Amino acid sequence: MEPIYEKSCGAVVWARFADGVRYLMVQMRKGHVDFAKGHMEPGENELQTAAREIWEETGLIVELDPSFRVVTTYSPYPGCIKDVVYFTARAGDTETTPQPSEIQSLHWATLEEARAQLTYDSARDILDQAARYLLAAGEI
């Protein structure tokens, strides 16, 4: 049987606060902590999907950076292969509005806090890659 293929897009969302850079942590209704992301809709490109999903899940309009693009692949259930494309995204506004149907809570965390709160090692790896990229790019 041919596997089902799914694709989602999202971003490591970050913002500057008075005390430094913080990253947006998304606690899903299912309990795990991750980054904002979601399924591609017909006719969308990866950046459009990421921007839409971040807005739907968090209420934030962000500035996506397509120069940082990381793909993680996993199997969410037997017979399915899923790619998730992550960018970095700067939030100008830090006031969030969680999407009640999918999001339990949203909060901003330092790099160290974010690393401790993320549920999956793959998400910690993406966060580390994003932080190194932002530092090298002079963003943080």
C-alpha atoms as a PDB file:
ATOM      1  CA  MET A   1       0.000   0.000   0.000  1.00  0.00           C
ATOM      2  CA  GLU A   2       1.266   3.451  -0.957  1.00  0.00           C
ATOM      3  CA  PRO A   3       1.944   5.629   2.115  1.00  0.00           C
ATOM      4  CA  ILE A   4      -0.110   8.732   2.791  1.00  0.00           C
ATOM      5  CA  TYR A   5       1.986  11.884   2.469  1.00  0.00           C
ATOM      6  CA  GLU A   6       1.242  15.034   4.492  1.00  0.00           C
ATOM      7  CA  LYS A   7       3.001  18.386   4.554  1.00  0.00           C
ATOM      8  CA  SER A   8       2.798  21.149   7.126  1.00  0.00           C
ATOM      9  CA  CYS A   9       4.605  24.471   7.478  1.00  0.00           C
ATOM     10  CA  GLY A  10       5.345  26.690  10.448  1.00  0.00           C
ATOM     11  CA  ALA A  11       8.056  28.670  12.148  1.00  0.00           C
ATOM     12  CA  VAL A  12      10.181  29.276  15.178  1.00  0.00           C
ATOM     13  CA  VAL A  13       8.536  32.574  16.143  1.00  0.00           C
ATOM     14  CA  TRP A  14      10.681  35.028  18.101  1.00  0.00           C
ATOM     15  CA  ALA A  15      10.427  38.563  19.432  1.00  0.00           C
ATOM     16  CA  ARG A  16      12.532  41.123  21.250  1.00  0.00           C
ATOM     17  CA  PHE A  17      11.512  41.942  24.809  1.00  0.00           C
ATOM     18  CA  ALA A  18      13.062  44.461  27.224  1.00  0.00           C
ATOM     19  CA  ASP A  19      15.022  41.615  28.831  1.00  0.00           C
ATOM     20  CA  GLY A  20      16.083  39.911  25.585  1.00  0.00           C
ATOM     21  CA  VAL A  21      14.873  37.600  22.848  1.00  0.00           C
ATOM     22  CA  ARG A  22      12.071  35.154  23.551  1.00  0.00           C
ATOM     23  CA  TYR A  23      10.552  32.331  21.522  1.00  0.00           C
ATOM     24  CA  LEU A  24       6.867  31.484  21.223  1.00  0.00           C
ATOM     25  CA  MET A  25       5.941  28.185  22.833  1.00  0.00           C
ATOM     26  CA  VAL A  26       2.687  26.591  21.716  1.00  0.00           C
ATOM     27  CA  GLN A  27       1.041  24.061  24.015  1.00  0.00           C
ATOM     28  CA  MET A  28      -1.364  22.043  21.924  1.00  0.00           C
ATOM     29  CA  ARG A  29      -4.692  20.715  23.225  1.00  0.00           C
ATOM     30  CA  LYS A  30      -3.177  17.220  23.059  1.00  0.00           C
ATOM     31  CA  GLY A  31      -0.606  18.400  25.628  1.00  0.00           C
ATOM     32  CA  HIS A  32       2.689  18.592  23.753  1.00  0.00           C
ATOM     33  CA  VAL A  33       4.671  21.834  23.394  1.00  0.00           C
ATOM     34  CA  ASP A  34       5.896  22.728  19.922  1.00  0.00           C
ATOM     35  CA  PHE A  35       6.018  25.561  17.369  1.00  0.00           C
ATOM     36  CA  ALA A  36       3.053  26.988  15.441  1.00  0.00           C
ATOM     37  CA  LYS A  37       2.498  24.956  12.282  1.00  0.00           C
ATOM     38  CA  GLY A  38      -0.225  23.399  10.172  1.00  0.00           C
ATOM     39  CA  HIS A  39      -1.280  21.694   6.973  1.00  0.00           C
ATOM     40  CA  MET A  40      -0.861  23.260   3.569  1.00  0.00           C
ATOM     41  CA  GLU A  41      -4.053  24.261   1.752  1.00  0.00           C
ATOM     42  CA  PRO A  42      -4.450  23.876  -2.018  1.00  0.00           C
ATOM     43  CA  GLY A  43      -2.827  26.756  -3.899  1.00  0.00           C
ATOM     44  CA  GLU A  44      -0.595  27.866  -1.004  1.00  0.00           C
ATOM     45  CA  ASN A  45       3.183  27.928  -1.002  1.00  0.00           C
ATOM     46  CA  GLU A  46       5.179  27.067   2.118  1.00  0.00           C
ATOM     47  CA  LEU A  47       5.518  30.672   3.309  1.00  0.00           C
ATOM     48  CA  GLN A  48       1.808  31.366   2.835  1.00  0.00           C
ATOM     49  CA  THR A  49       0.928  28.259   4.849  1.00  0.00           C
ATOM     50  CA  ALA A  50       3.323  29.163   7.656  1.00  0.00           C
ATOM     51  CA  ALA A  51       2.015  32.746   7.862  1.00  0.00           C
ATOM     52  CA  ARG A  52      -1.628  31.619   7.819  1.00  0.00           C
ATOM     53  CA  GLU A  53      -1.147  28.888  10.401  1.00  0.00           C
ATOM     54  CA  ILE A  54       0.787  31.188  12.757  1.00  0.00           C
ATOM     55  CA  TRP A  55      -1.964  33.804  12.455  1.00  0.00           C
ATOM     56  CA  GLU A  56      -4.756  31.237  12.971  1.00  0.00           C
ATOM     57  CA  GLU A  57      -3.098  29.565  15.966  1.00  0.00           C
ATOM     58  CA  THR A  58      -1.623  32.639  17.682  1.00  0.00           C
ATOM     59  CA  GLY A  59      -3.197  35.804  16.279  1.00  0.00           C
ATOM     60  CA  LEU A  60       0.271  37.062  15.311  1.00  0.00           C
ATOM     61  CA  ILE A  61       1.227  38.584  11.982  1.00  0.00           C
ATOM     62  CA  VAL A  62       4.900  37.738  11.546  1.00  0.00           C
ATOM     63  CA  GLU A  63       7.800  38.467   9.226  1.00  0.00           C
ATOM     64  CA  LEU A  64       8.988  35.120   7.893  1.00  0.00           C
ATOM     65  CA  ASP A  65      12.607  34.562   6.889  1.00  0.00           C
ATOM     66  CA  PRO A  66      12.772  32.141   3.936  1.00  0.00           C
ATOM     67  CA  SER A  67      16.581  31.973   4.199  1.00  0.00           C
ATOM     68  CA  PHE A  68      16.164  29.646   7.188  1.00  0.00           C
ATOM     69  CA  ARG A  69      14.334  26.518   6.037  1.00  0.00           C
ATOM     70  CA  VAL A  70      14.536  23.230   7.918  1.00  0.00           C
ATOM     71  CA  VAL A  71      12.479  20.125   7.152  1.00  0.00           C
ATOM     72  CA  THR A  72      11.723  17.383   9.635  1.00  0.00           C
ATOM     73  CA  THR A  73      10.091  14.107   8.588  1.00  0.00           C
ATOM     74  CA  TYR A  74       8.237  11.668  10.808  1.00  0.00           C
ATOM     75  CA  SER A  75       5.330   9.238  10.862  1.00  0.00           C
ATOM     76  CA  PRO A  76       2.380  10.559  12.904  1.00  0.00           C
ATOM     77  CA  TYR A  77       0.533   7.254  12.439  1.00  0.00           C
ATOM     78  CA  PRO A  78       1.143   3.963  10.605  1.00  0.00           C
ATOM     79  CA  GLY A  79       1.168   4.346   6.836  1.00  0.00           C
ATOM     80  CA  CYS A  80       1.681   8.121   6.918  1.00  0.00           C
ATOM     81  CA  ILE A  81       4.830  10.117   6.214  1.00  0.00           C
ATOM     82  CA  LYS A  82       4.765  13.785   7.192  1.00  0.00           C
ATOM     83  CA  ASP A  83       7.178  16.586   6.310  1.00  0.00           C
ATOM     84  CA  VAL A  84       7.110  19.765   8.370  1.00  0.00           C
ATOM     85  CA  VAL A  85       8.916  22.807   6.969  1.00  0.00           C
ATOM     86  CA  TYR A  86      10.064  25.399   9.521  1.00  0.00           C
ATOM     87  CA  PHE A  87      11.209  28.962   8.946  1.00  0.00           C
ATOM     88  CA  THR A  88      12.093  31.641  11.465  1.00  0.00           C
ATOM     89  CA  ALA A  89       9.559  34.401  11.989  1.00  0.00           C
ATOM     90  CA  ARG A  90       9.887  37.689  13.816  1.00  0.00           C
ATOM     91  CA  ALA A  91       6.824  38.931  15.665  1.00  0.00           C
ATOM     92  CA  GLY A  92       6.504  42.700  15.941  1.00  0.00           C
ATOM     93  CA  ASP A  93       3.544  42.479  18.295  1.00  0.00           C
ATOM     94  CA  THR A  94       3.754  40.037  21.205  1.00  0.00           C
ATOM     95  CA  GLU A  95       0.061  39.974  22.187  1.00  0.00           C
ATOM     96  CA  THR A  96      -1.193  36.498  21.331  1.00  0.00           C
ATOM     97  CA  THR A  97      -4.674  35.030  20.919  1.00  0.00           C
ATOM     98  CA  PRO A  98      -4.714  31.215  21.124  1.00  0.00           C
ATOM     99  CA  GLN A  99      -6.971  29.307  18.732  1.00  0.00           C
ATOM    100  CA  PRO A 100      -9.295  27.566  21.256  1.00  0.00           C
ATOM    101  CA  SER A 101      -9.952  24.471  19.130  1.00  0.00           C
ATOM    102  CA  GLU A 102      -6.261  23.524  18.876  1.00  0.00           C
ATOM    103  CA  ILE A 103      -4.190  25.545  21.352  1.00  0.00           C
ATOM    104  CA  GLN A 104      -4.182  25.092  25.125  1.00  0.00           C
ATOM    105  CA  SER A 105      -1.782  27.964  25.815  1.00  0.00           C
ATOM    106  CA  LEU A 106       0.810  30.281  24.286  1.00  0.00           C
ATOM    107  CA  HIS A 107       3.738  31.875  26.069  1.00  0.00           C
ATOM    108  CA  TRP A 108       7.081  33.521  25.361  1.00  0.00           C
ATOM    109  CA  ALA A 109      10.201  31.775  26.685  1.00  0.00           C
ATOM    110  CA  THR A 110      13.930  32.411  26.776  1.00  0.00           C
ATOM    111  CA  LEU A 111      16.091  30.015  24.771  1.00  0.00           C
ATOM    112  CA  GLU A 112      16.867  27.967  27.886  1.00  0.00           C
ATOM    113  CA  GLU A 113      13.214  27.860  28.970  1.00  0.00           C
ATOM    114  CA  ALA A 114      12.102  26.929  25.461  1.00  0.00           C
ATOM    115  CA  ARG A 115      14.618  24.084  25.250  1.00  0.00           C
ATOM    116  CA  ALA A 116      13.292  22.710  28.561  1.00  0.00           C
ATOM    117  CA  GLN A 117       9.624  23.070  27.592  1.00  0.00           C
ATOM    118  CA  LEU A 118       9.624  21.595  24.082  1.00  0.00           C
ATOM    119  CA  THR A 119       8.297  18.043  24.110  1.00  0.00           C
ATOM    120  CA  TYR A 120      10.333  16.545  21.275  1.00  0.00           C
ATOM    121  CA  ASP A 121      14.099  16.355  20.756  1.00  0.00           C
ATOM    122  CA  SER A 122      13.549  17.173  17.068  1.00  0.00           C
ATOM    123  CA  ALA A 123      11.922  20.483  18.095  1.00  0.00           C
ATOM    124  CA  ARG A 124      14.868  21.290  20.387  1.00  0.00           C
ATOM    125  CA  ASP A 125      17.216  20.631  17.469  1.00  0.00           C
ATOM    126  CA  ILE A 126      15.212  22.982  15.224  1.00  0.00           C
ATOM    127  CA  LEU A 127      15.220  25.644  17.963  1.00  0.00           C
ATOM    128  CA  ASP A 128      18.992  25.344  18.338  1.00  0.00           C
ATOM    129  CA  GLN A 129      19.482  25.622  14.564  1.00  0.00           C
ATOM    130  CA  ALA A 130      17.191  28.674  14.443  1.00  0.00           C
ATOM    131  CA  ALA A 131      18.979  30.382  17.359  1.00  0.00           C
ATOM    132  CA  ARG A 132      22.397  29.802  15.735  1.00  0.00           C
ATOM    133  CA  TYR A 133      21.056  31.135  12.424  1.00  0.00           C
ATOM    134  CA  LEU A 134      19.542  34.265  14.031  1.00  0.00           C
ATOM    135  CA  LEU A 135      22.755  34.943  15.927  1.00  0.00           C
ATOM    136  CA  ALA A 136      24.907  34.532  12.801  1.00  0.00           C
ATOM    137  CA  ALA A 137      22.517  36.773  10.848  1.00  0.00           C
ATOM    138  CA  GLY A 138      22.828  39.484  13.503  1.00  0.00           C
ATOM    139  CA  GLU A 139      19.144  39.290  14.389  1.00  0.00           C
ATOM    140  CA  ILE A 140      19.645  38.381  18.041  1.00  0.00           C
END
